[in-house]
Protein backbone atom coordinates (compact mmCIF):
# COMPACT_ATOMS: atom_id res chain seq x y z
CA MET A 1 8.74 -25.35 -12.91
CA ALA A 2 11.58 -26.58 -10.71
CA ILE A 3 14.21 -23.93 -9.47
CA THR A 4 17.77 -25.32 -9.83
CA THR A 5 19.82 -22.17 -9.51
CA VAL A 6 19.42 -21.72 -5.69
CA GLY A 7 20.36 -24.59 -3.77
CA ALA A 8 17.56 -27.35 -3.64
CA LEU A 9 14.54 -24.91 -3.65
CA SER A 10 11.91 -25.65 -6.04
CA ALA A 11 8.75 -23.89 -7.11
CA ARG A 12 5.18 -25.09 -7.61
CA PRO A 13 1.53 -23.57 -7.87
CA TYR A 14 0.16 -22.37 -4.70
CA ALA A 15 -2.26 -25.05 -3.25
CA ALA A 16 -5.27 -24.69 -0.58
CA GLY A 17 -2.85 -26.31 1.97
CA ASP A 18 -0.44 -23.83 1.61
CA GLN A 19 -2.77 -21.12 3.21
CA ASP A 20 -1.49 -21.00 6.80
CA ALA A 21 2.35 -20.87 5.54
CA VAL A 22 1.77 -18.10 3.34
CA LEU A 23 -0.37 -16.10 5.61
CA ALA A 24 2.54 -16.62 8.31
CA LEU A 25 4.82 -15.09 5.71
CA VAL A 26 2.76 -12.30 5.07
CA GLU A 27 2.33 -11.56 9.02
CA ALA A 28 6.27 -11.61 9.36
CA ASP A 29 6.53 -8.73 6.72
CA ARG A 30 3.42 -6.79 8.44
CA LEU A 31 4.17 -2.93 9.02
CA PRO A 32 2.92 -1.17 12.09
CA GLY A 33 -0.83 0.18 10.86
CA GLN A 34 -1.31 -2.61 8.53
CA PRO A 35 -4.10 -5.27 9.51
CA GLU A 36 -3.36 -8.89 9.83
CA ALA A 37 -3.94 -10.81 6.78
CA THR A 38 -6.80 -13.02 7.03
CA PRO A 39 -7.84 -15.99 4.68
CA VAL A 40 -10.56 -14.06 2.99
CA MET A 41 -7.93 -11.26 2.11
CA LEU A 42 -5.56 -14.10 0.73
CA ALA A 43 -8.43 -15.32 -1.47
CA GLU A 44 -9.05 -11.90 -2.90
CA ALA A 45 -5.30 -11.47 -3.59
CA LEU A 46 -5.15 -14.95 -5.21
CA ALA A 47 -8.13 -13.97 -7.38
CA GLY A 48 -6.78 -10.49 -8.44
CA ARG A 49 -9.46 -8.62 -6.66
CA LEU A 50 -9.20 -5.22 -4.75
CA PRO A 51 -12.21 -2.97 -3.70
CA VAL A 52 -9.71 0.12 -3.91
CA HIS A 53 -8.49 1.14 -7.29
CA GLY A 54 -9.96 -2.04 -8.62
CA GLY A 55 -9.39 -0.83 -12.24
CA TRP A 56 -5.67 -1.50 -12.14
CA TRP A 57 -6.53 -5.17 -11.36
CA ALA A 58 -9.17 -5.47 -14.11
CA GLU A 59 -6.34 -4.64 -16.79
CA LEU A 60 -4.61 -7.85 -15.97
CA ASN A 61 -4.83 -11.49 -16.95
CA GLN A 62 -5.67 -13.80 -14.21
CA PRO A 63 -2.76 -13.65 -11.75
CA ARG A 64 -0.59 -16.80 -11.12
CA THR A 65 0.56 -17.59 -7.46
CA ASP A 66 3.43 -19.81 -6.87
CA VAL A 67 5.09 -21.07 -3.53
CA ILE A 68 8.96 -21.90 -3.26
CA HIS A 69 9.75 -24.75 -0.92
CA ASP A 70 12.68 -26.79 0.41
CA PRO A 71 13.42 -30.54 0.27
CA SER A 72 11.11 -31.09 3.32
CA GLY A 73 8.12 -29.34 1.78
CA ARG A 74 8.31 -26.43 3.81
CA VAL A 75 7.11 -23.21 2.13
CA ARG A 76 9.69 -20.60 2.13
CA GLY A 77 8.33 -17.88 0.02
CA VAL A 78 5.26 -16.88 -2.13
CA VAL A 79 5.11 -14.81 -5.31
CA SER A 80 2.09 -13.61 -7.57
CA TYR A 81 2.64 -12.32 -10.87
CA ALA A 82 0.55 -11.63 -14.10
CA THR A 83 0.66 -10.23 -17.62
CA ARG A 84 -1.15 -6.92 -18.86
CA PRO A 85 -2.55 -7.26 -22.21
CA GLY A 86 -2.66 -3.69 -23.00
CA ASP A 87 1.01 -3.08 -23.12
CA GLY A 88 2.26 -6.49 -22.95
CA ALA A 89 4.09 -5.92 -19.51
CA GLY A 90 4.66 -8.40 -17.02
CA LEU A 91 4.07 -7.76 -12.98
CA ILE A 92 5.27 -9.00 -9.94
CA LEU A 93 2.24 -8.35 -7.73
CA TRP A 94 3.16 -9.24 -4.34
CA LEU A 95 6.02 -11.21 -2.91
CA HIS A 96 6.84 -12.75 0.42
CA ALA A 97 9.85 -14.46 1.82
CA GLU A 98 12.13 -14.91 4.92
CA GLU A 99 13.69 -11.62 4.86
CA GLU A 100 16.66 -13.25 6.64
CA ALA A 101 17.32 -15.66 3.64
CA ARG A 102 17.99 -13.43 0.61
CA ALA A 103 18.55 -16.59 -1.48
CA VAL A 104 14.81 -17.36 -1.16
CA ALA A 105 13.74 -13.75 -2.39
CA GLU A 106 16.13 -14.12 -5.23
CA ALA A 107 14.90 -17.47 -6.28
CA LEU A 108 11.02 -15.93 -6.16
CA VAL A 109 12.21 -12.98 -8.37
CA GLY A 110 14.11 -15.20 -10.83
CA HIS A 111 11.33 -17.81 -10.91
CA ALA A 112 8.69 -15.11 -11.77
CA LEU A 113 10.92 -13.45 -14.52
CA GLY A 114 11.29 -16.96 -16.11
CA GLN A 115 7.78 -17.42 -16.02
CA LEU A 116 6.93 -13.92 -17.35
CA GLY A 117 9.59 -14.26 -20.23
CA PRO A 118 11.44 -11.47 -22.07
CA ARG A 119 9.23 -8.49 -21.54
CA THR A 120 9.23 -5.32 -19.48
CA VAL A 121 8.48 -6.50 -15.93
CA TYR A 122 6.96 -3.79 -13.01
CA ALA A 123 7.14 -5.00 -9.36
CA PHE A 124 5.31 -3.61 -6.61
CA GLU A 125 3.08 -0.98 -8.58
CA PHE A 126 -0.01 -1.15 -6.94
CA ALA A 127 -1.57 -2.53 -3.71
CA CYS A 128 -3.19 -5.80 -3.11
CA ALA A 129 -5.73 -7.29 -1.09
CA LEU A 130 -3.45 -8.31 1.56
CA THR A 131 -2.50 -4.80 2.70
CA LEU A 132 -4.49 -1.75 3.59
CA GLY A 133 -3.52 0.34 0.45
CA LEU A 134 0.19 -0.38 0.55
CA GLU A 135 1.30 0.56 -2.77
CA GLY A 136 4.94 -0.16 -3.25
CA LEU A 137 7.61 -2.42 -1.31
CA PRO A 138 8.43 -0.97 2.30
CA VAL A 139 12.30 -0.77 1.52
CA CYS A 140 13.35 -0.42 4.90
CA ASN A 141 11.32 -3.36 6.23
CA ARG A 142 12.21 -5.51 3.34
CA PRO A 143 15.58 -5.00 2.49
CA ALA A 144 16.37 -8.45 1.29
CA THR A 145 13.69 -8.26 -1.32
CA ARG A 146 14.66 -4.78 -2.45
CA ARG A 147 18.22 -6.24 -2.98
CA ALA A 148 17.09 -9.41 -4.71
CA LEU A 149 15.04 -7.15 -7.18
CA GLU A 150 18.08 -4.81 -7.95
CA ALA A 151 20.19 -7.90 -8.24
CA ALA A 152 17.68 -9.19 -11.12
CA GLY A 153 18.09 -5.94 -12.81
CA PHE A 154 15.22 -4.14 -11.41
CA THR A 155 15.56 -0.22 -11.10
CA GLY A 156 13.63 1.18 -8.00
CA ARG A 157 11.79 4.56 -7.79
CA ASP A 158 11.36 6.13 -4.27
CA LEU A 159 7.58 7.46 -4.52
CA TRP A 160 5.76 7.51 -1.30
CA ARG A 161 6.20 8.14 2.39
CA TYR A 162 4.27 5.80 4.79
CA ILE A 163 3.36 7.57 7.67
CA HIS A 164 1.46 6.76 10.98
CA ARG A 165 -0.33 8.32 13.89
CA GLY A 166 -2.14 7.02 17.13
CA LEU A 167 -5.65 8.13 17.75
CA LEU A 168 -5.85 7.31 21.35
CA GLY A 169 -7.14 10.25 23.39
CA VAL A 170 -8.35 12.04 20.39
CA PRO A 171 -11.66 13.85 20.71
CA ASN A 172 -14.30 12.22 18.33
CA VAL A 173 -16.82 14.08 16.58
CA ALA A 174 -19.32 13.79 19.32
CA ASP A 175 -16.85 15.92 21.85
CA ALA A 176 -17.78 19.77 21.91
CA ARG A 177 -14.18 20.42 21.53
CA VAL A 178 -14.14 19.49 17.79
CA HIS A 179 -15.05 22.11 15.24
CA ARG A 180 -16.53 20.49 12.49
CA ILE A 181 -15.81 22.61 9.49
CA ALA A 182 -16.33 20.23 6.45
CA ASP A 183 -19.48 18.33 5.40
CA VAL A 184 -19.18 14.55 5.47
CA THR A 185 -20.58 12.14 2.94
CA GLU A 186 -19.90 8.47 2.35
CA CYS A 187 -18.10 7.27 -0.70
CA ALA A 188 -17.69 3.77 -2.07
CA ASP A 189 -14.22 3.78 -3.68
CA PRO A 190 -12.31 3.84 -1.52
CA PRO A 191 -14.88 2.66 1.01
CA GLY A 192 -15.23 5.63 3.55
CA TRP A 193 -16.16 9.23 3.66
CA GLN A 194 -15.36 12.37 1.54
CA LEU A 195 -14.98 15.68 3.59
CA ASP A 196 -15.60 18.96 1.71
CA LEU A 197 -14.88 22.20 3.30
CA ARG A 198 -16.65 25.13 1.65
CA GLU A 199 -16.69 28.78 2.00
CA THR A 200 -20.17 30.52 2.76
CA ASP A 201 -20.67 31.01 -0.75
CA GLY A 202 -20.25 27.28 -1.71
CA THR A 203 -16.61 27.58 -3.05
CA LEU A 204 -14.73 24.31 -2.39
CA VAL A 205 -11.65 25.41 -0.52
CA GLY A 206 -10.59 22.00 1.12
CA GLU A 207 -11.14 18.18 0.83
CA ALA A 208 -10.35 15.06 2.52
CA THR A 209 -10.80 11.25 1.64
CA LEU A 210 -10.97 8.77 4.42
CA GLY A 211 -10.86 5.11 4.45
CA ARG A 212 -13.33 3.14 6.51
CA PRO A 213 -11.21 1.55 9.65
CA VAL A 214 -9.97 -1.98 9.37
CA ASP A 215 -8.62 -3.67 12.57
CA GLY A 216 -8.71 -0.14 14.02
CA THR A 217 -6.83 1.53 11.52
CA GLY A 218 -8.20 4.06 9.41
CA VAL A 219 -6.59 5.63 6.42
CA LEU A 220 -6.13 9.32 5.35
CA TRP A 221 -6.45 8.77 1.56
CA TRP A 222 -6.12 12.30 0.66
CA ILE A 223 -6.46 16.04 2.05
CA SER A 224 -5.70 19.33 0.24
CA THR A 225 -6.67 22.98 0.42
CA ASP A 226 -6.76 25.33 -2.50
CA PRO A 227 -3.47 27.14 -2.83
CA ALA A 228 -5.39 30.49 -2.79
CA HIS A 229 -6.82 29.84 0.79
CA ARG A 230 -3.67 28.42 1.90
CA GLY A 231 -2.08 30.10 5.22
CA ARG A 232 -5.49 30.38 7.23
CA GLY A 233 -4.94 26.98 9.25
CA LEU A 234 -7.65 25.35 7.19
CA GLY A 235 -5.51 22.17 6.66
CA ARG A 236 -4.71 21.68 10.28
CA ARG A 237 -8.63 22.34 11.06
CA LEU A 238 -9.69 19.81 8.54
CA LEU A 239 -7.27 17.46 9.56
CA ARG A 240 -8.41 17.56 13.43
CA GLN A 241 -11.79 16.57 12.12
CA CYS A 242 -10.31 13.74 9.97
CA PHE A 243 -8.87 12.59 13.31
CA ALA A 244 -12.13 13.03 15.21
CA HIS A 245 -14.38 11.14 12.51
CA LEU A 246 -12.06 8.13 12.38
CA ALA A 247 -11.79 7.95 16.11
CA ALA A 248 -15.47 8.06 16.58
CA GLU A 249 -15.66 5.29 13.84
CA GLY A 250 -13.50 3.13 16.01
CA ALA A 251 -10.08 3.93 14.50
CA ARG A 252 -7.16 3.52 17.05
CA GLU A 253 -4.53 4.81 14.54
CA VAL A 254 -4.59 6.37 11.07
CA ILE A 255 -2.21 5.81 8.06
CA ALA A 256 -1.34 7.70 5.11
CA TYR A 257 0.84 7.59 1.93
CA VAL A 258 2.56 11.00 0.73
CA ASP A 259 3.72 10.83 -2.71
CA ASP A 260 6.91 12.71 -3.23
CA ASP A 261 7.14 12.99 -6.94
CA ALA A 262 5.40 16.26 -7.53
CA PRO A 263 7.18 18.11 -10.06
CA PRO A 264 9.00 21.35 -9.13
CA GLY A 265 6.72 24.53 -8.83
CA ASN A 266 3.60 22.27 -9.08
CA LEU A 267 1.36 24.03 -6.55
CA GLU A 268 -1.51 21.46 -6.84
CA ARG A 269 0.60 18.65 -6.03
CA ASP A 270 3.30 20.25 -3.75
CA ARG A 271 4.00 18.03 -0.82
CA LEU A 272 6.40 20.18 1.22
CA ALA A 273 3.48 21.99 3.01
CA ALA A 274 1.60 18.61 3.37
CA ASN A 275 4.62 16.85 4.79
CA ARG A 276 5.02 19.95 7.29
CA LEU A 277 1.43 19.54 8.22
CA TYR A 278 1.53 15.93 8.87
CA ASP A 279 4.69 16.05 10.85
CA SER A 280 3.37 18.94 13.08
CA MET A 281 0.31 16.81 13.72
CA GLY A 282 1.94 13.94 15.14
CA PHE A 283 2.55 11.62 12.24
CA THR A 284 5.91 9.64 12.05
CA GLU A 285 7.50 8.11 9.04
CA LEU A 286 7.58 4.52 9.19
CA ASP A 287 9.09 3.49 5.78
CA ARG A 288 9.67 4.50 2.31
CA LEU A 289 7.58 2.72 -0.68
CA TRP A 290 9.38 1.81 -3.77
CA SER A 291 8.14 0.63 -7.07
CA PHE A 292 10.69 -1.23 -9.58
CA THR A 293 11.04 -1.74 -13.27
CA ARG A 294 13.08 -4.21 -15.30
CA ARG A 295 13.48 -3.73 -19.05
CA PRO A 296 14.26 -6.54 -21.38
């Protein structure tokens, strides 16, 4: 399993003694709004488990995780990869390296490709347990990893905005200033709450899904209003209730993922209005999330 193409770096399977070094690598890549990775989160990622969208992981063979180290034994990077029996594809699931050392990222990508063999390989297709729903590679924060993938023949797709907003000072749901317009129920996938906004006759005209806060960070997984009822300020009022609910549950900040790949003219998935709403309500774009494909 040794890597001979990049200096004296070599690879071996992840071992229990690598935990602290791997968590330090993950921490170095952590984005604002993402929780600090814990040993429990790392164990879940190594096992290929995730409470949100767990069905994607269930389609994979058992992931393999390897580390790259230098001659002194210091761990310089880690990569987890797997194959998918359904279509025969390979997947680079998560990868962390010292971003200032592109050679390490290149060695990790090359090692994973060598182990996966000649097949279509996807990279950063869906989130792992080390993050709070981070589906894709944050290319602004991880330029060396992006360049390593592209140098290995991967083609990237810019799919998501990663946006963030602080909640300090936001009235919570117990505050009289918060006008609660939507009914709130708990949901299991993702763990959190569903908000349904209905007309007096019961017609559903808006909805939102919130993730339970982790380390003070909540997730706005989804918000939408029926196209026929737009222009009434419902989205803005519903979003205010989302902020208030998360603040009441202990969130100090909220993140959201906005997909930008809606087909032209698709009103159900049009993100122009949504992005204007987010921007006007205090969200800031922190990064762009890309997925990558390499065909043999």
